[in-house]
Amino acid sequence: MGKPWETADCGAISSYLPYYTVAQAAILWCGVPVDQMDDELARARPLSESSEWGKHVLQHPYIPCFEKRCRALQHAIDNDQLQVGRDGGAEGFSKDLGHVAYSRRTLSRETLKKWIAKEFPSDKPAFLFDELERSTHHAINADTFRALQADRDMLKARLDKSVEVFREQKEQLNVVTGERDSLRAMVDKLSVARKADAIPGDRAETTYQHIIGALLCVIAGEMPKVKPHPSFDSDAKLIDAIDEHFRGFGGLSKSNLSRKFPEAKRSLRGE
């Protein structure tokens, strides 16, 4: 079994070179892996043999963007938009260094990276930019990122606080809901009890009628050895007296008594 350091692919550093020729930069910019760079460059041919520029703007039979990127790099160097070095040496603009032969032009990683980021901000080749840099929008710099991160942290803190408040309010609501349900159950129970008290059963109704009938018999003197009540020689006078004295009490109105008294007497007689 091989040792880890014998099989490691070296990750991002595998594409690291201290400087690149224009052709190397263009082919890697097209996405060709560094370990296949030389093979693909060997398939490239000059655009023209009639000038030094044409000899060093290369074409590839299967990679159409290769020629376009060679053109862009050479044009930027010739127009002092991209600093260039001579055989990996110190870099500068052509106006300061003087003309650098096409075959000897080299570009450092940092110089190439800055130029691509400026001129082609949405195109970040993997041999120069790491995964985080490729996934970050070009308009977001470090200061902007930190500001966004601070805003995010502030919003997260507010969200956490809102969640906490919501949890507390939900707990309070649960308590209030429980109390409400308990009170509702008590009210329902009392209502059932009151209805039960307000509406007597058949047996209780019969008992009340017997009592009323018996009292009427006593008042009328219809029992042995009992004299009639001197103030009420008829049920009508008794009803008038009760209606006048107990006016406002439920069930003691003249009309109700006029109906209930005869019912009580019939019940007592078993009718």
C-alpha atoms as a PDB file:
ATOM      1  CA  MET A   1       0.000   0.000   0.000  1.00  0.00           C
ATOM      2  CA  GLY A   2       1.407   3.373  -1.043  1.00  0.00           C
ATOM      3  CA  LYS A   3       2.303   6.036   1.471  1.00  0.00           C
ATOM      4  CA  PRO A   4       0.001   9.116   1.590  1.00  0.00           C
ATOM      5  CA  TRP A   5       2.667  11.437   0.257  1.00  0.00           C
ATOM      6  CA  GLU A   6       3.251   9.112  -2.693  1.00  0.00           C
ATOM      7  CA  THR A   7      -0.363   9.353  -3.922  1.00  0.00           C
ATOM      8  CA  ALA A   8      -1.340  12.918  -2.922  1.00  0.00           C
ATOM      9  CA  ASP A   9      -2.427  15.113  -5.877  1.00  0.00           C
ATOM     10  CA  CYS A  10      -1.134  18.293  -4.153  1.00  0.00           C
ATOM     11  CA  GLY A  11      -4.526  20.011  -4.496  1.00  0.00           C
ATOM     12  CA  ALA A  12      -4.551  23.625  -5.674  1.00  0.00           C
ATOM     13  CA  ILE A  13      -0.749  23.895  -5.690  1.00  0.00           C
ATOM     14  CA  SER A  14      -0.579  21.429  -8.588  1.00  0.00           C
ATOM     15  CA  SER A  15      -1.425  24.302 -10.957  1.00  0.00           C
ATOM     16  CA  TYR A  16       0.950  26.735  -9.299  1.00  0.00           C
ATOM     17  CA  LEU A  17       3.768  28.124 -11.417  1.00  0.00           C
ATOM     18  CA  PRO A  18       5.824  31.192 -10.500  1.00  0.00           C
ATOM     19  CA  TYR A  19       5.141  32.674 -13.947  1.00  0.00           C
ATOM     20  CA  TYR A  20       3.529  31.697 -17.221  1.00  0.00           C
ATOM     21  CA  THR A  21       4.232  32.277 -20.877  1.00  0.00           C
ATOM     22  CA  VAL A  22       1.347  33.827 -22.795  1.00  0.00           C
ATOM     23  CA  ALA A  23       0.536  30.443 -24.360  1.00  0.00           C
ATOM     24  CA  GLN A  24       0.594  28.682 -20.984  1.00  0.00           C
ATOM     25  CA  ALA A  25      -1.619  31.334 -19.401  1.00  0.00           C
ATOM     26  CA  ALA A  26      -4.117  31.121 -22.289  1.00  0.00           C
ATOM     27  CA  ILE A  27      -4.343  27.306 -22.322  1.00  0.00           C
ATOM     28  CA  LEU A  28      -4.777  27.099 -18.537  1.00  0.00           C
ATOM     29  CA  TRP A  29      -7.339  29.909 -18.722  1.00  0.00           C
ATOM     30  CA  CYS A  30      -9.305  27.675 -21.099  1.00  0.00           C
ATOM     31  CA  GLY A  31      -9.546  25.077 -18.334  1.00  0.00           C
ATOM     32  CA  VAL A  32      -6.864  22.623 -19.460  1.00  0.00           C
ATOM     33  CA  PRO A  33      -5.290  20.897 -16.395  1.00  0.00           C
ATOM     34  CA  VAL A  34      -1.656  21.771 -15.796  1.00  0.00           C
ATOM     35  CA  ASP A  35      -0.556  18.153 -16.226  1.00  0.00           C
ATOM     36  CA  GLN A  36      -2.031  18.179 -19.762  1.00  0.00           C
ATOM     37  CA  MET A  37      -0.826  21.671 -20.628  1.00  0.00           C
ATOM     38  CA  ASP A  38       2.287  20.656 -22.573  1.00  0.00           C
ATOM     39  CA  ASP A  39       0.409  18.012 -24.592  1.00  0.00           C
ATOM     40  CA  GLU A  40      -2.257  20.493 -25.650  1.00  0.00           C
ATOM     41  CA  LEU A  41       0.263  23.224 -26.441  1.00  0.00           C
ATOM     42  CA  ALA A  42       2.045  20.765 -28.705  1.00  0.00           C
ATOM     43  CA  ARG A  43      -1.154  20.595 -30.818  1.00  0.00           C
ATOM     44  CA  ALA A  44      -1.319  24.380 -31.194  1.00  0.00           C
ATOM     45  CA  ARG A  45      -0.237  26.150 -34.382  1.00  0.00           C
ATOM     46  CA  PRO A  46       0.570  29.824 -35.092  1.00  0.00           C
ATOM     47  CA  LEU A  47      -2.188  31.998 -36.484  1.00  0.00           C
ATOM     48  CA  SER A  48       0.251  33.325 -39.094  1.00  0.00           C
ATOM     49  CA  GLU A  49       3.926  32.989 -40.036  1.00  0.00           C
ATOM     50  CA  SER A  50       4.102  36.461 -41.567  1.00  0.00           C
ATOM     51  CA  SER A  51       4.718  38.356 -38.308  1.00  0.00           C
ATOM     52  CA  GLU A  52       6.047  37.802 -34.816  1.00  0.00           C
ATOM     53  CA  TRP A  53       2.602  38.656 -33.456  1.00  0.00           C
ATOM     54  CA  GLY A  54       0.962  36.046 -35.707  1.00  0.00           C
ATOM     55  CA  LYS A  55       3.528  33.437 -34.699  1.00  0.00           C
ATOM     56  CA  HIS A  56       2.677  33.884 -31.018  1.00  0.00           C
ATOM     57  CA  VAL A  57      -1.105  34.070 -31.303  1.00  0.00           C
ATOM     58  CA  LEU A  58      -1.768  30.342 -31.399  1.00  0.00           C
ATOM     59  CA  GLN A  59      -4.717  28.251 -32.535  1.00  0.00           C
ATOM     60  CA  HIS A  60      -5.840  24.902 -31.183  1.00  0.00           C
ATOM     61  CA  PRO A  61      -7.844  22.416 -33.290  1.00  0.00           C
ATOM     62  CA  TYR A  62     -10.258  21.565 -30.453  1.00  0.00           C
ATOM     63  CA  ILE A  63     -10.126  24.581 -28.115  1.00  0.00           C
ATOM     64  CA  PRO A  64     -11.539  27.639 -29.936  1.00  0.00           C
ATOM     65  CA  CYS A  65     -11.179  29.957 -26.923  1.00  0.00           C
ATOM     66  CA  PHE A  66      -7.401  29.413 -26.890  1.00  0.00           C
ATOM     67  CA  GLU A  67      -6.779  31.773 -29.835  1.00  0.00           C
ATOM     68  CA  LYS A  68      -9.087  34.433 -28.374  1.00  0.00           C
ATOM     69  CA  ARG A  69      -7.299  34.410 -25.051  1.00  0.00           C
ATOM     70  CA  CYS A  70      -3.887  34.533 -26.689  1.00  0.00           C
ATOM     71  CA  ARG A  71      -5.077  37.602 -28.608  1.00  0.00           C
ATOM     72  CA  ALA A  72      -6.465  39.256 -25.449  1.00  0.00           C
ATOM     73  CA  LEU A  73      -3.228  38.741 -23.510  1.00  0.00           C
ATOM     74  CA  GLN A  74      -0.917  39.916 -26.311  1.00  0.00           C
ATOM     75  CA  HIS A  75      -3.135  42.946 -26.993  1.00  0.00           C
ATOM     76  CA  ALA A  76      -3.182  43.919 -23.324  1.00  0.00           C
ATOM     77  CA  ILE A  77       0.623  43.706 -23.130  1.00  0.00           C
ATOM     78  CA  ASP A  78       1.132  45.689 -26.343  1.00  0.00           C
ATOM     79  CA  ASN A  79      -1.218  48.442 -25.119  1.00  0.00           C
ATOM     80  CA  ASP A  80       0.269  48.770 -21.630  1.00  0.00           C
ATOM     81  CA  GLN A  81      -2.806  47.306 -19.949  1.00  0.00           C
ATOM     82  CA  LEU A  82      -0.971  44.269 -18.578  1.00  0.00           C
ATOM     83  CA  GLN A  83       2.504  44.234 -17.068  1.00  0.00           C
ATOM     84  CA  VAL A  84       4.922  41.740 -18.535  1.00  0.00           C
ATOM     85  CA  GLY A  85       8.288  40.266 -17.577  1.00  0.00           C
ATOM     86  CA  ARG A  86      11.181  39.017 -19.640  1.00  0.00           C
ATOM     87  CA  ASP A  87      11.882  35.279 -19.064  1.00  0.00           C
ATOM     88  CA  GLY A  88      10.385  35.442 -15.579  1.00  0.00           C
ATOM     89  CA  GLY A  89      12.181  38.619 -14.589  1.00  0.00           C
ATOM     90  CA  ALA A  90      10.861  41.840 -13.093  1.00  0.00           C
ATOM     91  CA  GLU A  91       7.621  43.045 -14.586  1.00  0.00           C
ATOM     92  CA  GLY A  92       6.555  46.366 -15.959  1.00  0.00           C
ATOM     93  CA  PHE A  93       4.634  47.981 -18.760  1.00  0.00           C
ATOM     94  CA  SER A  94       6.140  47.949 -22.244  1.00  0.00           C
ATOM     95  CA  LYS A  95       6.493  51.725 -22.201  1.00  0.00           C
ATOM     96  CA  ASP A  96       8.870  51.364 -19.249  1.00  0.00           C
ATOM     97  CA  LEU A  97      10.640  48.088 -20.073  1.00  0.00           C
ATOM     98  CA  GLY A  98      10.830  48.580 -23.786  1.00  0.00           C
ATOM     99  CA  HIS A  99       9.659  45.980 -26.251  1.00  0.00           C
ATOM    100  CA  VAL A 100       9.805  42.425 -24.927  1.00  0.00           C
ATOM    101  CA  ALA A 101      10.039  39.762 -27.627  1.00  0.00           C
ATOM    102  CA  TYR A 102       6.880  37.661 -27.932  1.00  0.00           C
ATOM    103  CA  SER A 103       8.827  34.464 -27.309  1.00  0.00           C
ATOM    104  CA  ARG A 104      10.237  35.788 -24.023  1.00  0.00           C
ATOM    105  CA  ARG A 105       7.072  37.321 -22.520  1.00  0.00           C
ATOM    106  CA  THR A 106       6.098  35.987 -19.090  1.00  0.00           C
ATOM    107  CA  LEU A 107       3.307  36.831 -16.650  1.00  0.00           C
ATOM    108  CA  SER A 108       3.441  36.340 -12.878  1.00  0.00           C
ATOM    109  CA  ARG A 109       0.481  34.725 -11.133  1.00  0.00           C
ATOM    110  CA  GLU A 110      -0.458  37.869  -9.202  1.00  0.00           C
ATOM    111  CA  THR A 111      -0.244  40.148 -12.231  1.00  0.00           C
ATOM    112  CA  LEU A 112      -2.314  37.768 -14.355  1.00  0.00           C
ATOM    113  CA  LYS A 113      -4.852  37.218 -11.578  1.00  0.00           C
ATOM    114  CA  LYS A 114      -5.394  40.945 -10.973  1.00  0.00           C
ATOM    115  CA  TRP A 115      -5.779  41.670 -14.682  1.00  0.00           C
ATOM    116  CA  ILE A 116      -8.326  38.890 -15.262  1.00  0.00           C
ATOM    117  CA  ALA A 117     -10.276  39.906 -12.140  1.00  0.00           C
ATOM    118  CA  LYS A 118     -10.434  43.481 -13.433  1.00  0.00           C
ATOM    119  CA  GLU A 119     -11.109  42.862 -17.129  1.00  0.00           C
ATOM    120  CA  PHE A 120     -13.138  39.634 -16.873  1.00  0.00           C
ATOM    121  CA  PRO A 121     -14.658  39.686 -13.365  1.00  0.00           C
ATOM    122  CA  SER A 122     -17.139  36.895 -14.082  1.00  0.00           C
ATOM    123  CA  ASP A 123     -14.417  34.597 -15.471  1.00  0.00           C
ATOM    124  CA  LYS A 124     -12.209  33.232 -12.693  1.00  0.00           C
ATOM    125  CA  PRO A 125     -10.120  30.277 -13.901  1.00  0.00           C
ATOM    126  CA  ALA A 126      -9.432  27.586 -11.308  1.00  0.00           C
ATOM    127  CA  PHE A 127      -5.636  27.667 -11.818  1.00  0.00           C
ATOM    128  CA  LEU A 128      -5.575  31.203 -10.368  1.00  0.00           C
ATOM    129  CA  PHE A 129      -8.670  31.523  -8.151  1.00  0.00           C
ATOM    130  CA  ASP A 130      -9.642  29.206  -5.314  1.00  0.00           C
ATOM    131  CA  GLU A 131     -13.178  27.897  -4.798  1.00  0.00           C
ATOM    132  CA  LEU A 132     -14.183  30.710  -2.434  1.00  0.00           C
ATOM    133  CA  GLU A 133     -12.938  33.381  -4.845  1.00  0.00           C
ATOM    134  CA  ARG A 134     -14.804  31.778  -7.748  1.00  0.00           C
ATOM    135  CA  SER A 135     -18.054  31.616  -5.785  1.00  0.00           C
ATOM    136  CA  THR A 136     -17.851  35.262  -4.593  1.00  0.00           C
ATOM    137  CA  HIS A 137     -19.272  38.006  -6.794  1.00  0.00           C
ATOM    138  CA  HIS A 138     -16.653  40.387  -8.140  1.00  0.00           C
ATOM    139  CA  ALA A 139     -18.488  43.410  -6.698  1.00  0.00           C
ATOM    140  CA  ILE A 140     -18.047  42.086  -3.146  1.00  0.00           C
ATOM    141  CA  ASN A 141     -14.698  43.099  -1.679  1.00  0.00           C
ATOM    142  CA  ALA A 142     -13.393  42.374   1.805  1.00  0.00           C
ATOM    143  CA  ASP A 143     -14.991  45.468   3.351  1.00  0.00           C
ATOM    144  CA  THR A 144     -18.326  44.723   1.712  1.00  0.00           C
ATOM    145  CA  PHE A 145     -18.132  41.120   2.839  1.00  0.00           C
ATOM    146  CA  ARG A 146     -17.414  42.133   6.436  1.00  0.00           C
ATOM    147  CA  ALA A 147     -20.303  44.616   6.339  1.00  0.00           C
ATOM    148  CA  LEU A 148     -22.641  41.934   4.990  1.00  0.00           C
ATOM    149  CA  GLN A 149     -21.393  39.511   7.603  1.00  0.00           C
ATOM    150  CA  ALA A 150     -22.059  42.069  10.361  1.00  0.00           C
ATOM    151  CA  ASP A 151     -25.570  42.649   8.994  1.00  0.00           C
ATOM    152  CA  ARG A 152     -26.132  38.909   8.894  1.00  0.00           C
ATOM    153  CA  ASP A 153     -24.958  38.492  12.480  1.00  0.00           C
ATOM    154  CA  MET A 154     -27.213  41.357  13.604  1.00  0.00           C
ATOM    155  CA  LEU A 155     -30.214  39.855  11.784  1.00  0.00           C
ATOM    156  CA  LYS A 156     -29.443  36.459  13.259  1.00  0.00           C
ATOM    157  CA  ALA A 157     -29.344  37.957  16.757  1.00  0.00           C
ATOM    158  CA  ARG A 158     -32.684  39.678  16.134  1.00  0.00           C
ATOM    159  CA  LEU A 159     -34.132  36.450  14.786  1.00  0.00           C
ATOM    160  CA  ASP A 160     -32.914  34.505  17.822  1.00  0.00           C
ATOM    161  CA  LYS A 161     -34.476  37.156  20.097  1.00  0.00           C
ATOM    162  CA  SER A 162     -37.749  37.011  18.141  1.00  0.00           C
ATOM    163  CA  VAL A 163     -37.792  33.236  18.441  1.00  0.00           C
ATOM    164  CA  GLU A 164     -37.239  33.525  22.195  1.00  0.00           C
ATOM    165  CA  VAL A 165     -40.055  36.089  22.554  1.00  0.00           C
ATOM    166  CA  PHE A 166     -42.338  33.933  20.418  1.00  0.00           C
ATOM    167  CA  ARG A 167     -41.575  30.892  22.585  1.00  0.00           C
ATOM    168  CA  GLU A 168     -42.370  32.847  25.772  1.00  0.00           C
ATOM    169  CA  GLN A 169     -45.591  34.235  24.289  1.00  0.00           C
ATOM    170  CA  LYS A 170     -46.600  30.776  23.110  1.00  0.00           C
ATOM    171  CA  GLU A 171     -46.067  29.406  26.607  1.00  0.00           C
ATOM    172  CA  GLN A 172     -48.170  32.243  28.058  1.00  0.00           C
ATOM    173  CA  LEU A 173     -50.842  31.606  25.439  1.00  0.00           C
ATOM    174  CA  ASN A 174     -50.885  27.931  26.365  1.00  0.00           C
ATOM    175  CA  VAL A 175     -51.399  28.874  30.020  1.00  0.00           C
ATOM    176  CA  VAL A 176     -54.210  31.317  29.157  1.00  0.00           C
ATOM    177  CA  THR A 177     -55.785  28.760  26.835  1.00  0.00           C
ATOM    178  CA  GLY A 178     -55.671  26.147  29.582  1.00  0.00           C
ATOM    179  CA  GLU A 179     -57.292  28.530  32.054  1.00  0.00           C
ATOM    180  CA  ARG A 180     -59.940  29.466  29.501  1.00  0.00           C
ATOM    181  CA  ASP A 181     -60.763  25.811  28.824  1.00  0.00           C
ATOM    182  CA  SER A 182     -60.934  25.117  32.566  1.00  0.00           C
ATOM    183  CA  LEU A 183     -63.310  28.064  33.129  1.00  0.00           C
ATOM    184  CA  ARG A 184     -65.396  27.005  30.160  1.00  0.00           C
ATOM    185  CA  ALA A 185     -65.712  23.500  31.589  1.00  0.00           C
ATOM    186  CA  MET A 186     -66.760  24.964  34.956  1.00  0.00           C
ATOM    187  CA  VAL A 187     -69.370  27.204  33.288  1.00  0.00           C
ATOM    188  CA  ASP A 188     -70.709  24.289  31.256  1.00  0.00           C
ATOM    189  CA  LYS A 189     -70.950  22.188  34.424  1.00  0.00           C
ATOM    190  CA  LEU A 190     -72.769  24.969  36.287  1.00  0.00           C
ATOM    191  CA  SER A 191     -75.119  25.470  33.353  1.00  0.00           C
ATOM    192  CA  VAL A 192     -76.011  21.788  33.354  1.00  0.00           C
ATOM    193  CA  ALA A 193     -76.592  21.905  37.118  1.00  0.00           C
ATOM    194  CA  ARG A 194     -78.788  25.006  36.864  1.00  0.00           C
ATOM    195  CA  LYS A 195     -80.824  23.446  34.099  1.00  0.00           C
ATOM    196  CA  ALA A 196     -81.248  20.346  36.195  1.00  0.00           C
ATOM    197  CA  ASP A 197     -82.427  22.503  39.105  1.00  0.00           C
ATOM    198  CA  ALA A 198     -84.667  24.700  36.947  1.00  0.00           C
ATOM    199  CA  ILE A 199     -86.432  21.841  35.219  1.00  0.00           C
ATOM    200  CA  PRO A 200     -87.608  19.319  37.826  1.00  0.00           C
ATOM    201  CA  GLY A 201     -88.201  15.754  36.860  1.00  0.00           C
ATOM    202  CA  ASP A 202     -91.664  14.152  36.657  1.00  0.00           C
ATOM    203  CA  ARG A 203     -91.473  12.796  40.189  1.00  0.00           C
ATOM    204  CA  ALA A 204     -90.409  16.164  41.656  1.00  0.00           C
ATOM    205  CA  GLU A 205     -93.124  17.960  39.698  1.00  0.00           C
ATOM    206  CA  THR A 206     -95.761  15.593  41.068  1.00  0.00           C
ATOM    207  CA  THR A 207     -94.469  16.136  44.613  1.00  0.00           C
ATOM    208  CA  TYR A 208     -94.696  19.924  44.255  1.00  0.00           C
ATOM    209  CA  GLN A 209     -98.215  19.671  42.882  1.00  0.00           C
ATOM    210  CA  HIS A 210     -99.287  17.466  45.825  1.00  0.00           C
ATOM    211  CA  ILE A 211     -97.870  19.974  48.312  1.00  0.00           C
ATOM    212  CA  ILE A 212     -99.621  22.904  46.611  1.00  0.00           C
ATOM    213  CA  GLY A 213    -102.890  20.951  46.422  1.00  0.00           C
ATOM    214  CA  ALA A 214    -102.708  19.998  50.099  1.00  0.00           C
ATOM    215  CA  LEU A 215    -102.070  23.601  51.160  1.00  0.00           C
ATOM    216  CA  LEU A 216    -105.023  24.770  49.082  1.00  0.00           C
ATOM    217  CA  CYS A 217    -107.212  22.197  50.842  1.00  0.00           C
ATOM    218  CA  VAL A 218    -106.052  23.465  54.239  1.00  0.00           C
ATOM    219  CA  ILE A 219    -106.716  27.121  53.291  1.00  0.00           C
ATOM    220  CA  ALA A 220    -110.168  26.198  51.954  1.00  0.00           C
ATOM    221  CA  GLY A 221    -110.998  24.132  55.104  1.00  0.00           C
ATOM    222  CA  GLU A 222    -111.577  20.965  53.105  1.00  0.00           C
ATOM    223  CA  MET A 223    -109.860  18.784  55.711  1.00  0.00           C
ATOM    224  CA  PRO A 224    -111.583  17.350  58.839  1.00  0.00           C
ATOM    225  CA  LYS A 225    -111.417  19.619  61.886  1.00  0.00           C
ATOM    226  CA  VAL A 226    -109.801  22.418  59.827  1.00  0.00           C
ATOM    227  CA  LYS A 227    -111.579  25.749  59.436  1.00  0.00           C
ATOM    228  CA  PRO A 228    -111.321  27.759  56.223  1.00  0.00           C
ATOM    229  CA  HIS A 229    -108.871  30.642  56.248  1.00  0.00           C
ATOM    230  CA  PRO A 230    -110.931  33.754  57.079  1.00  0.00           C
ATOM    231  CA  SER A 231    -109.088  35.960  54.544  1.00  0.00           C
ATOM    232  CA  PHE A 232    -109.520  33.716  51.481  1.00  0.00           C
ATOM    233  CA  ASP A 233    -112.960  32.355  50.820  1.00  0.00           C
ATOM    234  CA  SER A 234    -111.917  31.419  47.280  1.00  0.00           C
ATOM    235  CA  ASP A 235    -108.806  30.497  45.279  1.00  0.00           C
ATOM    236  CA  ALA A 236    -109.232  33.685  43.301  1.00  0.00           C
ATOM    237  CA  LYS A 237    -108.714  35.891  46.398  1.00  0.00           C
ATOM    238  CA  LEU A 238    -105.671  33.857  47.388  1.00  0.00           C
ATOM    239  CA  ILE A 239    -104.230  34.257  43.893  1.00  0.00           C
ATOM    240  CA  ASP A 240    -104.865  38.030  43.969  1.00  0.00           C
ATOM    241  CA  ALA A 241    -103.148  38.355  47.360  1.00  0.00           C
ATOM    242  CA  ILE A 242    -100.075  36.339  46.267  1.00  0.00           C
ATOM    243  CA  ASP A 243     -99.827  38.229  42.976  1.00  0.00           C
ATOM    244  CA  GLU A 244     -99.960  41.575  44.797  1.00  0.00           C
ATOM    245  CA  HIS A 245     -97.568  40.703  47.612  1.00  0.00           C
ATOM    246  CA  PHE A 246     -94.980  38.688  45.608  1.00  0.00           C
ATOM    247  CA  ARG A 247     -95.085  40.620  42.351  1.00  0.00           C
ATOM    248  CA  GLY A 248     -91.851  40.222  40.427  1.00  0.00           C
ATOM    249  CA  PHE A 249     -91.008  36.754  41.690  1.00  0.00           C
ATOM    250  CA  GLY A 250     -90.753  34.141  38.978  1.00  0.00           C
ATOM    251  CA  GLY A 251     -93.705  31.727  38.765  1.00  0.00           C
ATOM    252  CA  LEU A 252     -95.967  33.712  41.122  1.00  0.00           C
ATOM    253  CA  SER A 253     -97.847  35.740  38.534  1.00  0.00           C
ATOM    254  CA  LYS A 254    -101.650  35.693  38.550  1.00  0.00           C
ATOM    255  CA  SER A 255    -101.850  33.879  35.226  1.00  0.00           C
ATOM    256  CA  ASN A 256     -99.398  31.182  36.266  1.00  0.00           C
ATOM    257  CA  LEU A 257    -101.106  30.594  39.654  1.00  0.00           C
ATOM    258  CA  SER A 258    -104.511  30.437  37.947  1.00  0.00           C
ATOM    259  CA  ARG A 259    -103.145  27.565  35.885  1.00  0.00           C
ATOM    260  CA  LYS A 260    -101.081  25.807  38.529  1.00  0.00           C
ATOM    261  CA  PHE A 261    -103.666  25.673  41.324  1.00  0.00           C
ATOM    262  CA  PRO A 262    -106.223  23.606  39.356  1.00  0.00           C
ATOM    263  CA  GLU A 263    -103.413  21.315  38.144  1.00  0.00           C
ATOM    264  CA  ALA A 264    -102.298  20.765  41.749  1.00  0.00           C
ATOM    265  CA  LYS A 265    -105.800  19.856  42.864  1.00  0.00           C
ATOM    266  CA  ARG A 266    -106.294  17.394  39.992  1.00  0.00           C
ATOM    267  CA  SER A 267    -102.898  15.807  40.730  1.00  0.00           C
ATOM    268  CA  LEU A 268    -103.847  15.395  44.385  1.00  0.00           C
ATOM    269  CA  ARG A 269    -107.084  13.688  43.336  1.00  0.00           C
ATOM    270  CA  GLY A 270    -105.145  11.376  41.049  1.00  0.00           C
ATOM    271  CA  GLU A 271    -106.672  12.756  37.884  1.00  0.00           C
END
